Amino acid sequence: DTDGMEEVFATRRGEGVCVNQVLYNLAQRAAEDELMAWCEMNDVAL
């Protein structure tokens, strides 16, 4: 989640992370709350 990605980027070598794979579909849209914008801002593919 977003807090998890913040932890990732605060970790040594964490900025090498370029993808976060998550459950996302019409019925499961939680990624849109904060995570999608965070990933776009940090050039991480969802």
PDB file of all heavy atoms in Angstrom:
ATOM      1  N   ASP A   1       0.842  -1.193   0.000  1.00  0.00           N
ATOM      2  CA  ASP A   1       0.000   0.000   0.000  1.00  0.00           C
ATOM      3  C   ASP A   1       0.880   1.247   0.000  1.00  0.00           C
ATOM      4  O   ASP A   1       2.114   1.161  -0.097  1.00  0.00           O
ATOM      5  CB  ASP A   1      -0.985  -0.012   1.173  1.00  0.00           C
ATOM      6  CG  ASP A   1      -0.291  -0.060   2.532  1.00  0.00           C
ATOM      7  OD1 ASP A   1       0.932   0.196   2.618  1.00  0.00           O
ATOM      8  OD2 ASP A   1      -0.989  -0.353   3.533  1.00  0.00           O
ATOM      9  N   THR A   2       0.274   2.421   0.119  1.00  0.00           N
ATOM     10  CA  THR A   2       1.045   3.666   0.042  1.00  0.00           C
ATOM     11  C   THR A   2       2.062   3.763   1.170  1.00  0.00           C
ATOM     12  O   THR A   2       3.227   4.143   0.946  1.00  0.00           O
ATOM     13  CB  THR A   2       0.110   4.886   0.088  1.00  0.00           C
ATOM     14  OG1 THR A   2      -0.909   4.729  -0.905  1.00  0.00           O
ATOM     15  CG2 THR A   2       0.883   6.167  -0.198  1.00  0.00           C
ATOM     16  N   ASP A   3       1.666   3.419   2.392  1.00  0.00           N
ATOM     17  CA  ASP A   3       2.622   3.444   3.505  1.00  0.00           C
ATOM     18  C   ASP A   3       3.764   2.478   3.242  1.00  0.00           C
ATOM     19  O   ASP A   3       4.932   2.771   3.545  1.00  0.00           O
ATOM     20  CB  ASP A   3       1.921   3.079   4.816  1.00  0.00           C
ATOM     21  CG  ASP A   3       0.996   4.181   5.315  1.00  0.00           C
ATOM     22  OD1 ASP A   3       1.124   5.329   4.833  1.00  0.00           O
ATOM     23  OD2 ASP A   3       0.146   3.893   6.187  1.00  0.00           O
ATOM     24  N   GLY A   4       3.440   1.336   2.684  1.00  0.00           N
ATOM     25  CA  GLY A   4       4.470   0.356   2.353  1.00  0.00           C
ATOM     26  C   GLY A   4       5.440   0.880   1.313  1.00  0.00           C
ATOM     27  O   GLY A   4       6.661   0.660   1.410  1.00  0.00           O
ATOM     28  N   MET A   5       4.928   1.602   0.322  1.00  0.00           N
ATOM     29  CA  MET A   5       5.807   2.162  -0.698  1.00  0.00           C
ATOM     30  C   MET A   5       6.677   3.275  -0.128  1.00  0.00           C
ATOM     31  O   MET A   5       7.849   3.430  -0.526  1.00  0.00           O
ATOM     32  CB  MET A   5       4.968   2.678  -1.870  1.00  0.00           C
ATOM     33  CG  MET A   5       4.294   1.578  -2.686  1.00  0.00           C
ATOM     34  SD  MET A   5       5.425   0.311  -3.313  1.00  0.00           S
ATOM     35  CE  MET A   5       6.463   1.284  -4.413  1.00  0.00           C
ATOM     36  N   GLU A   6       6.134   4.038   0.808  1.00  0.00           N
ATOM     37  CA  GLU A   6       6.968   5.042   1.483  1.00  0.00           C
ATOM     38  C   GLU A   6       8.115   4.357   2.222  1.00  0.00           C
ATOM     39  O   GLU A   6       9.261   4.837   2.191  1.00  0.00           O
ATOM     40  CB  GLU A   6       6.118   5.858   2.465  1.00  0.00           C
ATOM     41  CG  GLU A   6       5.076   6.749   1.811  1.00  0.00           C
ATOM     42  CD  GLU A   6       5.665   8.037   1.260  1.00  0.00           C
ATOM     43  OE1 GLU A   6       6.898   8.199   1.282  1.00  0.00           O
ATOM     44  OE2 GLU A   6       4.868   8.887   0.807  1.00  0.00           O
ATOM     45  N   GLU A   7       7.822   3.243   2.866  1.00  0.00           N
ATOM     46  CA  GLU A   7       8.871   2.488   3.558  1.00  0.00           C
ATOM     47  C   GLU A   7       9.893   1.950   2.562  1.00  0.00           C
ATOM     48  O   GLU A   7      11.102   1.973   2.818  1.00  0.00           O
ATOM     49  CB  GLU A   7       8.250   1.338   4.361  1.00  0.00           C
ATOM     50  CG  GLU A   7       9.272   0.531   5.138  1.00  0.00           C
ATOM     51  CD  GLU A   7       8.663  -0.645   5.882  1.00  0.00           C
ATOM     52  OE1 GLU A   7       7.416  -0.771   5.897  1.00  0.00           O
ATOM     53  OE2 GLU A   7       9.445  -1.444   6.447  1.00  0.00           O
ATOM     54  N   VAL A   8       9.401   1.458   1.422  1.00  0.00           N
ATOM     55  CA  VAL A   8      10.301   0.957   0.379  1.00  0.00           C
ATOM     56  C   VAL A   8      11.284   2.038  -0.042  1.00  0.00           C
ATOM     57  O   VAL A   8      12.506   1.823  -0.097  1.00  0.00           O
ATOM     58  CB  VAL A   8       9.486   0.477  -0.844  1.00  0.00           C
ATOM     59  CG1 VAL A   8      10.379   0.347  -2.080  1.00  0.00           C
ATOM     60  CG2 VAL A   8       8.816  -0.862  -0.547  1.00  0.00           C
ATOM     61  N   PHE A   9      10.775   3.250  -0.322  1.00  0.00           N
ATOM     62  CA  PHE A   9      11.645   4.294  -0.834  1.00  0.00           C
ATOM     63  C   PHE A   9      12.540   4.899   0.239  1.00  0.00           C
ATOM     64  O   PHE A   9      13.519   5.573  -0.081  1.00  0.00           O
ATOM     65  CB  PHE A   9      10.801   5.380  -1.518  1.00  0.00           C
ATOM     66  CG  PHE A   9      10.607   5.126  -2.991  1.00  0.00           C
ATOM     67  CD1 PHE A   9      10.278   3.858  -3.456  1.00  0.00           C
ATOM     68  CD2 PHE A   9      10.757   6.139  -3.908  1.00  0.00           C
ATOM     69  CE1 PHE A   9      10.112   3.607  -4.809  1.00  0.00           C
ATOM     70  CE2 PHE A   9      10.592   5.904  -5.269  1.00  0.00           C
ATOM     71  CZ  PHE A   9      10.266   4.634  -5.719  1.00  0.00           C
ATOM     72  N   ALA A  10      12.210   4.655   1.500  1.00  0.00           N
ATOM     73  CA  ALA A  10      13.069   5.107   2.594  1.00  0.00           C
ATOM     74  C   ALA A  10      14.171   4.092   2.899  1.00  0.00           C
ATOM     75  O   ALA A  10      15.064   4.363   3.699  1.00  0.00           O
ATOM     76  CB  ALA A  10      12.232   5.345   3.852  1.00  0.00           C
ATOM     77  N   THR A  11      14.107   2.938   2.243  1.00  0.00           N
ATOM     78  CA  THR A  11      15.060   1.857   2.478  1.00  0.00           C
ATOM     79  C   THR A  11      16.212   1.950   1.488  1.00  0.00           C
ATOM     80  O   THR A  11      16.009   2.284   0.318  1.00  0.00           O
ATOM     81  CB  THR A  11      14.359   0.486   2.304  1.00  0.00           C
ATOM     82  OG1 THR A  11      13.281   0.401   3.224  1.00  0.00           O
ATOM     83  CG2 THR A  11      15.328  -0.661   2.542  1.00  0.00           C
ATOM     84  N   ARG A  12      17.400   1.662   1.953  1.00  0.00           N
ATOM     85  CA  ARG A  12      18.556   1.636   1.055  1.00  0.00           C
ATOM     86  C   ARG A  12      18.279   0.689  -0.104  1.00  0.00           C
ATOM     87  O   ARG A  12      17.823  -0.427   0.103  1.00  0.00           O
ATOM     88  CB  ARG A  12      19.792   1.196   1.846  1.00  0.00           C
ATOM     89  CG  ARG A  12      21.096   1.309   1.081  1.00  0.00           C
ATOM     90  CD  ARG A  12      22.267   1.227   2.030  1.00  0.00           C
ATOM     91  NE  ARG A  12      23.537   1.232   1.316  1.00  0.00           N
ATOM     92  CZ  ARG A  12      24.265   0.136   1.090  1.00  0.00           C
ATOM     93  NH1 ARG A  12      23.853  -1.039   1.544  1.00  0.00           N
ATOM     94  NH2 ARG A  12      25.409   0.217   0.440  1.00  0.00           N
ATOM     95  N   ARG A  13      18.523   1.146  -1.307  1.00  0.00           N
ATOM     96  CA  ARG A  13      18.264   0.429  -2.557  1.00  0.00           C
ATOM     97  C   ARG A  13      16.780   0.380  -2.926  1.00  0.00           C
ATOM     98  O   ARG A  13      16.408  -0.166  -3.955  1.00  0.00           O
ATOM     99  CB  ARG A  13      18.826  -1.002  -2.534  1.00  0.00           C
ATOM    100  CG  ARG A  13      20.342  -1.087  -2.318  1.00  0.00           C
ATOM    101  CD  ARG A  13      20.835  -2.534  -2.379  1.00  0.00           C
ATOM    102  NE  ARG A  13      22.277  -2.620  -2.264  1.00  0.00           N
ATOM    103  CZ  ARG A  13      22.931  -2.708  -1.115  1.00  0.00           C
ATOM    104  NH1 ARG A  13      22.254  -2.711   0.024  1.00  0.00           N
ATOM    105  NH2 ARG A  13      24.238  -2.792  -1.081  1.00  0.00           N
ATOM    106  N   GLY A  14      15.916   0.944  -2.088  1.00  0.00           N
ATOM    107  CA  GLY A  14      14.486   0.898  -2.361  1.00  0.00           C
ATOM    108  C   GLY A  14      14.075   1.687  -3.589  1.00  0.00           C
ATOM    109  O   GLY A  14      13.052   1.383  -4.212  1.00  0.00           O
ATOM    110  N   GLU A  15      14.875   2.703  -3.956  1.00  0.00           N
ATOM    111  CA  GLU A  15      14.520   3.483  -5.126  1.00  0.00           C
ATOM    112  C   GLU A  15      14.758   2.720  -6.419  1.00  0.00           C
ATOM    113  O   GLU A  15      14.416   3.211  -7.504  1.00  0.00           O
ATOM    114  CB  GLU A  15      15.266   4.818  -5.132  1.00  0.00           C
ATOM    115  CG  GLU A  15      14.769   5.751  -4.031  1.00  0.00           C
ATOM    116  CD  GLU A  15      15.240   7.183  -4.210  1.00  0.00           C
ATOM    117  OE1 GLU A  15      15.973   7.460  -5.185  1.00  0.00           O
ATOM    118  OE2 GLU A  15      14.872   8.016  -3.374  1.00  0.00           O
ATOM    119  N   GLY A  16      15.306   1.517  -6.316  1.00  0.00           N
ATOM    120  CA  GLY A  16      15.402   0.643  -7.485  1.00  0.00           C
ATOM    121  C   GLY A  16      14.084  -0.026  -7.823  1.00  0.00           C
ATOM    122  O   GLY A  16      13.940  -0.618  -8.898  1.00  0.00           O
ATOM    123  N   VAL A  17      13.113   0.054  -6.919  1.00  0.00           N
ATOM    124  CA  VAL A  17      11.797  -0.549  -7.157  1.00  0.00           C
ATOM    125  C   VAL A  17      11.073   0.248  -8.242  1.00  0.00           C
ATOM    126  O   VAL A  17      10.907   1.464  -8.122  1.00  0.00           O
ATOM    127  CB  VAL A  17      10.971  -0.575  -5.853  1.00  0.00           C
ATOM    128  CG1 VAL A  17       9.506  -0.883  -6.140  1.00  0.00           C
ATOM    129  CG2 VAL A  17      11.557  -1.612  -4.895  1.00  0.00           C
ATOM    130  N   CYS A  18      10.633  -0.441  -9.291  1.00  0.00           N
ATOM    131  CA  CYS A  18      10.002   0.257 -10.418  1.00  0.00           C
ATOM    132  C   CYS A  18       8.579  -0.214 -10.687  1.00  0.00           C
ATOM    133  O   CYS A  18       7.905   0.363 -11.554  1.00  0.00           O
ATOM    134  CB  CYS A  18      10.850   0.096 -11.681  1.00  0.00           C
ATOM    135  SG  CYS A  18      10.957  -1.598 -12.321  1.00  0.00           S
ATOM    136  N   VAL A  19       8.099  -1.244  -9.966  1.00  0.00           N
ATOM    137  CA  VAL A  19       6.753  -1.786 -10.174  1.00  0.00           C
ATOM    138  C   VAL A  19       6.172  -2.174  -8.825  1.00  0.00           C
ATOM    139  O   VAL A  19       6.882  -2.676  -7.942  1.00  0.00           O
ATOM    140  CB  VAL A  19       6.788  -3.032 -11.095  1.00  0.00           C
ATOM    141  CG1 VAL A  19       5.460  -3.790 -11.062  1.00  0.00           C
ATOM    142  CG2 VAL A  19       7.111  -2.640 -12.530  1.00  0.00           C
ATOM    143  N   ASN A  20       4.877  -1.946  -8.671  1.00  0.00           N
ATOM    144  CA  ASN A  20       4.113  -2.472  -7.536  1.00  0.00           C
ATOM    145  C   ASN A  20       2.905  -3.191  -8.125  1.00  0.00           C
ATOM    146  O   ASN A  20       2.048  -2.572  -8.753  1.00  0.00           O
ATOM    147  CB  ASN A  20       3.662  -1.340  -6.608  1.00  0.00           C
ATOM    148  CG  ASN A  20       2.918  -1.842  -5.383  1.00  0.00           C
ATOM    149  OD1 ASN A  20       2.962  -3.023  -5.038  1.00  0.00           O
ATOM    150  ND2 ASN A  20       2.234  -0.943  -4.706  1.00  0.00           N
ATOM    151  N   GLN A  21       2.846  -4.505  -7.952  1.00  0.00           N
ATOM    152  CA  GLN A  21       1.742  -5.303  -8.494  1.00  0.00           C
ATOM    153  C   GLN A  21       0.662  -5.457  -7.423  1.00  0.00           C
ATOM    154  O   GLN A  21       0.943  -5.937  -6.330  1.00  0.00           O
ATOM    155  CB  GLN A  21       2.242  -6.682  -8.940  1.00  0.00           C
ATOM    156  CG  GLN A  21       1.170  -7.522  -9.596  1.00  0.00           C
ATOM    157  CD  GLN A  21       1.670  -8.889 -10.021  1.00  0.00           C
ATOM    158  OE1 GLN A  21       1.126  -9.909  -9.626  1.00  0.00           O
ATOM    159  NE2 GLN A  21       2.719  -8.933 -10.840  1.00  0.00           N
ATOM    160  N   VAL A  22      -0.556  -5.029  -7.754  1.00  0.00           N
ATOM    161  CA  VAL A  22      -1.638  -5.043  -6.765  1.00  0.00           C
ATOM    162  C   VAL A  22      -2.934  -5.537  -7.403  1.00  0.00           C
ATOM    163  O   VAL A  22      -3.100  -5.514  -8.621  1.00  0.00           O
ATOM    164  CB  VAL A  22      -1.878  -3.637  -6.152  1.00  0.00           C
ATOM    165  CG1 VAL A  22      -0.636  -3.142  -5.432  1.00  0.00           C
ATOM    166  CG2 VAL A  22      -2.324  -2.646  -7.212  1.00  0.00           C
ATOM    167  N   LEU A  23      -3.861  -5.948  -6.546  1.00  0.00           N
ATOM    168  CA  LEU A  23      -5.200  -6.307  -6.991  1.00  0.00           C
ATOM    169  C   LEU A  23      -5.926  -5.036  -7.430  1.00  0.00           C
ATOM    170  O   LEU A  23      -6.089  -4.100  -6.646  1.00  0.00           O
ATOM    171  CB  LEU A  23      -5.962  -6.982  -5.851  1.00  0.00           C
ATOM    172  CG  LEU A  23      -7.415  -7.363  -6.125  1.00  0.00           C
ATOM    173  CD1 LEU A  23      -7.510  -8.422  -7.216  1.00  0.00           C
ATOM    174  CD2 LEU A  23      -8.082  -7.871  -4.841  1.00  0.00           C
ATOM    175  N   TYR A  24      -6.362  -5.015  -8.692  1.00  0.00           N
ATOM    176  CA  TYR A  24      -7.059  -3.835  -9.192  1.00  0.00           C
ATOM    177  C   TYR A  24      -8.006  -4.239 -10.307  1.00  0.00           C
ATOM    178  O   TYR A  24      -7.591  -4.802 -11.327  1.00  0.00           O
ATOM    179  CB  TYR A  24      -6.069  -2.788  -9.703  1.00  0.00           C
ATOM    180  CG  TYR A  24      -6.732  -1.514 -10.180  1.00  0.00           C
ATOM    181  CD1 TYR A  24      -7.565  -0.783  -9.334  1.00  0.00           C
ATOM    182  CD2 TYR A  24      -6.539  -1.040 -11.475  1.00  0.00           C
ATOM    183  CE1 TYR A  24      -8.186   0.382  -9.767  1.00  0.00           C
ATOM    184  CE2 TYR A  24      -7.149   0.129 -11.910  1.00  0.00           C
ATOM    185  CZ  TYR A  24      -7.974   0.834 -11.051  1.00  0.00           C
ATOM    186  OH  TYR A  24      -8.588   1.985 -11.475  1.00  0.00           O
ATOM    187  N   ASN A  25      -9.272  -3.982 -10.081  1.00  0.00           N
ATOM    188  CA  ASN A  25     -10.291  -4.251 -11.090  1.00  0.00           C
ATOM    189  C   ASN A  25     -11.519  -3.393 -10.762  1.00  0.00           C
ATOM    190  O   ASN A  25     -11.517  -2.624  -9.793  1.00  0.00           O
ATOM    191  CB  ASN A  25     -10.614  -5.746 -11.176  1.00  0.00           C
ATOM    192  CG  ASN A  25     -11.053  -6.336  -9.850  1.00  0.00           C
ATOM    193  OD1 ASN A  25     -12.000  -5.847  -9.217  1.00  0.00           O
ATOM    194  ND2 ASN A  25     -10.364  -7.381  -9.394  1.00  0.00           N
ATOM    195  N   LEU A  26     -12.559  -3.535 -11.551  1.00  0.00           N
ATOM    196  CA  LEU A  26     -13.764  -2.726 -11.366  1.00  0.00           C
ATOM    197  C   LEU A  26     -14.356  -2.857  -9.965  1.00  0.00           C
ATOM    198  O   LEU A  26     -14.890  -1.887  -9.415  1.00  0.00           O
ATOM    199  CB  LEU A  26     -14.814  -3.134 -12.401  1.00  0.00           C
ATOM    200  CG  LEU A  26     -14.519  -2.692 -13.841  1.00  0.00           C
ATOM    201  CD1 LEU A  26     -15.391  -3.465 -14.810  1.00  0.00           C
ATOM    202  CD2 LEU A  26     -14.763  -1.199 -13.987  1.00  0.00           C
ATOM    203  N   ALA A  27     -14.275  -4.048  -9.397  1.00  0.00           N
ATOM    204  CA  ALA A  27     -14.869  -4.285  -8.084  1.00  0.00           C
ATOM    205  C   ALA A  27     -13.894  -4.047  -6.942  1.00  0.00           C
ATOM    206  O   ALA A  27     -14.302  -4.024  -5.778  1.00  0.00           O
ATOM    207  CB  ALA A  27     -15.418  -5.718  -8.014  1.00  0.00           C
ATOM    208  N   GLN A  28     -12.613  -3.886  -7.252  1.00  0.00           N
ATOM    209  CA  GLN A  28     -11.564  -3.718  -6.243  1.00  0.00           C
ATOM    210  C   GLN A  28     -10.737  -2.491  -6.621  1.00  0.00           C
ATOM    211  O   GLN A  28      -9.700  -2.595  -7.279  1.00  0.00           O
ATOM    212  CB  GLN A  28     -10.683  -4.963  -6.177  1.00  0.00           C
ATOM    213  CG  GLN A  28     -11.420  -6.268  -5.939  1.00  0.00           C
ATOM    214  CD  GLN A  28     -11.806  -6.446  -4.476  1.00  0.00           C
ATOM    215  OE1 GLN A  28     -11.316  -5.724  -3.597  1.00  0.00           O
ATOM    216  NE2 GLN A  28     -12.668  -7.413  -4.192  1.00  0.00           N
ATOM    217  N   ARG A  29     -11.199  -1.307  -6.194  1.00  0.00           N
ATOM    218  CA  ARG A  29     -10.614  -0.059  -6.657  1.00  0.00           C
ATOM    219  C   ARG A  29      -9.828   0.693  -5.587  1.00  0.00           C
ATOM    220  O   ARG A  29      -9.527   1.880  -5.747  1.00  0.00           O
ATOM    221  CB  ARG A  29     -11.726   0.844  -7.215  1.00  0.00           C
ATOM    222  CG  ARG A  29     -12.449   0.236  -8.399  1.00  0.00           C
ATOM    223  CD  ARG A  29     -13.561   1.129  -8.956  1.00  0.00           C
ATOM    224  NE  ARG A  29     -13.069   2.410  -9.434  1.00  0.00           N
ATOM    225  CZ  ARG A  29     -13.818   3.285 -10.113  1.00  0.00           C
ATOM    226  NH1 ARG A  29     -15.082   2.997 -10.391  1.00  0.00           N
ATOM    227  NH2 ARG A  29     -13.315   4.435 -10.505  1.00  0.00           N
ATOM    228  N   ALA A  30      -9.456   0.019  -4.510  1.00  0.00           N
ATOM    229  CA  ALA A  30      -8.783   0.715  -3.404  1.00  0.00           C
ATOM    230  C   ALA A  30      -7.495   1.397  -3.844  1.00  0.00           C
ATOM    231  O   ALA A  30      -7.106   2.425  -3.270  1.00  0.00           O
ATOM    232  CB  ALA A  30      -8.502  -0.266  -2.269  1.00  0.00           C
ATOM    233  N   ALA A  31      -6.833   0.876  -4.858  1.00  0.00           N
ATOM    234  CA  ALA A  31      -5.575   1.474  -5.313  1.00  0.00           C
ATOM    235  C   ALA A  31      -5.755   2.913  -5.781  1.00  0.00           C
ATOM    236  O   ALA A  31      -4.794   3.696  -5.812  1.00  0.00           O
ATOM    237  CB  ALA A  31      -4.967   0.635  -6.436  1.00  0.00           C
ATOM    238  N   GLU A  32      -6.986   3.289  -6.151  1.00  0.00           N
ATOM    239  CA  GLU A  32      -7.237   4.648  -6.632  1.00  0.00           C
ATOM    240  C   GLU A  32      -7.224   5.688  -5.508  1.00  0.00           C
ATOM    241  O   GLU A  32      -7.111   6.890  -5.785  1.00  0.00           O
ATOM    242  CB  GLU A  32      -8.582   4.711  -7.349  1.00  0.00           C
ATOM    243  CG  GLU A  32      -8.640   3.915  -8.632  1.00  0.00           C
ATOM    244  CD  GLU A  32     -10.029   3.940  -9.243  1.00  0.00           C
ATOM    245  OE1 GLU A  32     -10.773   4.911  -9.010  1.00  0.00           O
ATOM    246  OE2 GLU A  32     -10.389   2.970  -9.929  1.00  0.00           O
ATOM    247  N   ASP A  33      -7.359   5.254  -4.258  1.00  0.00           N
ATOM    248  CA  ASP A  33      -7.491   6.214  -3.161  1.00  0.00           C
ATOM    249  C   ASP A  33      -6.242   7.072  -3.020  1.00  0.00           C
ATOM    250  O   ASP A  33      -6.306   8.293  -3.021  1.00  0.00           O
ATOM    251  CB  ASP A  33      -7.802   5.469  -1.860  1.00  0.00           C
ATOM    252  CG  ASP A  33      -7.961   6.415  -0.682  1.00  0.00           C
ATOM    253  OD1 ASP A  33      -8.538   7.506  -0.873  1.00  0.00           O
ATOM    254  OD2 ASP A  33      -7.499   6.086   0.416  1.00  0.00           O
ATOM    255  N   GLU A  34      -5.060   6.466  -2.918  1.00  0.00           N
ATOM    256  CA  GLU A  34      -3.805   7.205  -2.791  1.00  0.00           C
ATOM    257  C   GLU A  34      -2.683   6.573  -3.606  1.00  0.00           C
ATOM    258  O   GLU A  34      -1.829   7.270  -4.138  1.00  0.00           O
ATOM    259  CB  GLU A  34      -3.349   7.253  -1.320  1.00  0.00           C
ATOM    260  CG  GLU A  34      -4.241   8.038  -0.389  1.00  0.00           C
ATOM    261  CD  GLU A  34      -3.706   8.022   1.038  1.00  0.00           C
ATOM    262  OE1 GLU A  34      -2.817   7.188   1.329  1.00  0.00           O
ATOM    263  OE2 GLU A  34      -4.163   8.837   1.841  1.00  0.00           O
ATOM    264  N   LEU A  35      -2.714   5.250  -3.672  1.00  0.00           N
ATOM    265  CA  LEU A  35      -1.571   4.512  -4.207  1.00  0.00           C
ATOM    266  C   LEU A  35      -1.294   4.827  -5.672  1.00  0.00           C
ATOM    267  O   LEU A  35      -0.135   4.991  -6.076  1.00  0.00           O
ATOM    268  CB  LEU A  35      -1.802   3.010  -4.034  1.00  0.00           C
ATOM    269  CG  LEU A  35      -0.674   2.093  -4.509  1.00  0.00           C
ATOM    270  CD1 LEU A  35       0.597   2.366  -3.716  1.00  0.00           C
ATOM    271  CD2 LEU A  35      -1.087   0.631  -4.369  1.00  0.00           C
ATOM    272  N   MET A  36      -2.338   4.920  -6.478  1.00  0.00           N
ATOM    273  CA  MET A  36      -2.150   5.145  -7.904  1.00  0.00           C
ATOM    274  C   MET A  36      -1.423   6.466  -8.154  1.00  0.00           C
ATOM    275  O   MET A  36      -0.474   6.532  -8.946  1.00  0.00           O
ATOM    276  CB  MET A  36      -3.503   5.128  -8.606  1.00  0.00           C
ATOM    277  CG  MET A  36      -3.419   5.122 -10.121  1.00  0.00           C
ATOM    278  SD  MET A  36      -5.063   4.998 -10.865  1.00  0.00           S
ATOM    279  CE  MET A  36      -5.491   3.315 -10.437  1.00  0.00           C
ATOM    280  N   ALA A  37      -1.844   7.516  -7.464  1.00  0.00           N
ATOM    281  CA  ALA A  37      -1.199   8.822  -7.635  1.00  0.00           C
ATOM    282  C   ALA A  37       0.238   8.787  -7.137  1.00  0.00           C
ATOM    283  O   ALA A  37       1.139   9.391  -7.744  1.00  0.00           O
ATOM    284  CB  ALA A  37      -1.996   9.893  -6.903  1.00  0.00           C
ATOM    285  N   TRP A  38       0.477   8.091  -6.012  1.00  0.00           N
ATOM    286  CA  TRP A  38       1.830   7.993  -5.475  1.00  0.00           C
ATOM    287  C   TRP A  38       2.752   7.311  -6.488  1.00  0.00           C
ATOM    288  O   TRP A  38       3.867   7.773  -6.747  1.00  0.00           O
ATOM    289  CB  TRP A  38       1.817   7.207  -4.167  1.00  0.00           C
ATOM    290  CG  TRP A  38       3.118   7.258  -3.415  1.00  0.00           C
ATOM    291  CD1 TRP A  38       3.434   8.068  -2.376  1.00  0.00           C
ATOM    292  CD2 TRP A  38       4.288   6.464  -3.668  1.00  0.00           C
ATOM    293  NE1 TRP A  38       4.721   7.842  -1.958  1.00  0.00           N
ATOM    294  CE2 TRP A  38       5.278   6.866  -2.742  1.00  0.00           C
ATOM    295  CE3 TRP A  38       4.596   5.473  -4.588  1.00  0.00           C
ATOM    296  CZ2 TRP A  38       6.546   6.295  -2.704  1.00  0.00           C
ATOM    297  CZ3 TRP A  38       5.873   4.905  -4.571  1.00  0.00           C
ATOM    298  CH2 TRP A  38       6.823   5.314  -3.630  1.00  0.00           C
ATOM    299  N   CYS A  39       2.272   6.216  -7.060  1.00  0.00           N
ATOM    300  CA  CYS A  39       3.097   5.470  -8.017  1.00  0.00           C
ATOM    301  C   CYS A  39       3.376   6.313  -9.260  1.00  0.00           C
ATOM    302  O   CYS A  39       4.507   6.338  -9.763  1.00  0.00           O
ATOM    303  CB  CYS A  39       2.409   4.164  -8.398  1.00  0.00           C
ATOM    304  SG  CYS A  39       2.446   2.914  -7.084  1.00  0.00           S
ATOM    305  N   GLU A  40       2.369   7.026  -9.746  1.00  0.00           N
ATOM    306  CA  GLU A  40       2.577   7.862 -10.931  1.00  0.00           C
ATOM    307  C   GLU A  40       3.591   8.956 -10.639  1.00  0.00           C
ATOM    308  O   GLU A  40       4.477   9.235 -11.461  1.00  0.00           O
ATOM    309  CB  GLU A  40       1.256   8.464 -11.383  1.00  0.00           C
ATOM    310  CG  GLU A  40       1.374   9.262 -12.668  1.00  0.00           C
ATOM    311  CD  GLU A  40       0.034   9.743 -13.182  1.00  0.00           C
ATOM    312  OE1 GLU A  40      -0.977   9.596 -12.469  1.00  0.00           O
ATOM    313  OE2 GLU A  40       0.006  10.279 -14.310  1.00  0.00           O
ATOM    314  N   MET A  41       3.502   9.563  -9.476  1.00  0.00           N
ATOM    315  CA  MET A  41       4.412  10.646  -9.114  1.00  0.00           C
ATOM    316  C   MET A  41       5.854  10.152  -9.009  1.00  0.00           C
ATOM    317  O   MET A  41       6.803  10.894  -9.280  1.00  0.00           O
ATOM    318  CB  MET A  41       3.982  11.265  -7.784  1.00  0.00           C
ATOM    319  CG  MET A  41       4.824  12.438  -7.330  1.00  0.00           C
ATOM    320  SD  MET A  41       4.171  13.196  -5.819  1.00  0.00           S
ATOM    321  CE  MET A  41       4.341  11.834  -4.649  1.00  0.00           C
ATOM    322  N   ASN A  42       6.030   8.881  -8.638  1.00  0.00           N
ATOM    323  CA  ASN A  42       7.372   8.337  -8.423  1.00  0.00           C
ATOM    324  C   ASN A  42       7.840   7.421  -9.555  1.00  0.00           C
ATOM    325  O   ASN A  42       8.824   6.697  -9.399  1.00  0.00           O
ATOM    326  CB  ASN A  42       7.407   7.583  -7.085  1.00  0.00           C
ATOM    327  CG  ASN A  42       7.337   8.516  -5.906  1.00  0.00           C
ATOM    328  OD1 ASN A  42       8.340   9.102  -5.497  1.00  0.00           O
ATOM    329  ND2 ASN A  42       6.146   8.677  -5.335  1.00  0.00           N
ATOM    330  N   ASP A  43       7.153   7.456 -10.697  1.00  0.00           N
ATOM    331  CA  ASP A  43       7.533   6.670 -11.881  1.00  0.00           C
ATOM    332  C   ASP A  43       7.571   5.177 -11.590  1.00  0.00           C
ATOM    333  O   ASP A  43       8.428   4.442 -12.091  1.00  0.00           O
ATOM    334  CB  ASP A  43       8.889   7.123 -12.431  1.00  0.00           C
ATOM    335  CG  ASP A  43       8.853   8.544 -12.962  1.00  0.00           C
ATOM    336  OD1 ASP A  43       7.814   8.933 -13.509  1.00  0.00           O
ATOM    337  OD2 ASP A  43       9.869   9.252 -12.820  1.00  0.00           O
ATOM    338  N   VAL A  44       6.644   4.743 -10.774  1.00  0.00           N
ATOM    339  CA  VAL A  44       6.489   3.314 -10.469  1.00  0.00           C
ATOM    340  C   VAL A  44       5.242   2.820 -11.199  1.00  0.00           C
ATOM    341  O   VAL A  44       4.162   3.399 -11.055  1.00  0.00           O
ATOM    342  CB  VAL A  44       6.335   3.073  -8.952  1.00  0.00           C
ATOM    343  CG1 VAL A  44       6.008   1.615  -8.654  1.00  0.00           C
ATOM    344  CG2 VAL A  44       7.611   3.485  -8.224  1.00  0.00           C
ATOM    345  N   ALA A  45       5.376   1.781 -11.990  1.00  0.00           N
ATOM    346  CA  ALA A  45       4.217   1.228 -12.678  1.00  0.00           C
ATOM    347  C   ALA A  45       3.343   0.475 -11.683  1.00  0.00           C
ATOM    348  O   ALA A  45       3.850  -0.227 -10.799  1.00  0.00           O
ATOM    349  CB  ALA A  45       4.644   0.294 -13.801  1.00  0.00           C
ATOM    350  N   LEU A  46       2.048   0.607 -11.846  1.00  0.00           N
ATOM    351  CA  LEU A  46       1.097  -0.186 -11.075  1.00  0.00           C
ATOM    352  C   LEU A  46       0.674  -1.342 -11.972  1.00  0.00           C
ATOM    353  O   LEU A  46       0.133  -1.134 -13.054  1.00  0.00           O
ATOM    354  CB  LEU A  46      -0.112   0.672 -10.707  1.00  0.00           C
ATOM    355  CG  LEU A  46      -0.985   0.192  -9.549  1.00  0.00           C
ATOM    356  CD1 LEU A  46      -0.217   0.281  -8.234  1.00  0.00           C
ATOM    357  CD2 LEU A  46      -2.246   1.030  -9.469  1.00  0.00           C
TER     358      LEU A  46
END
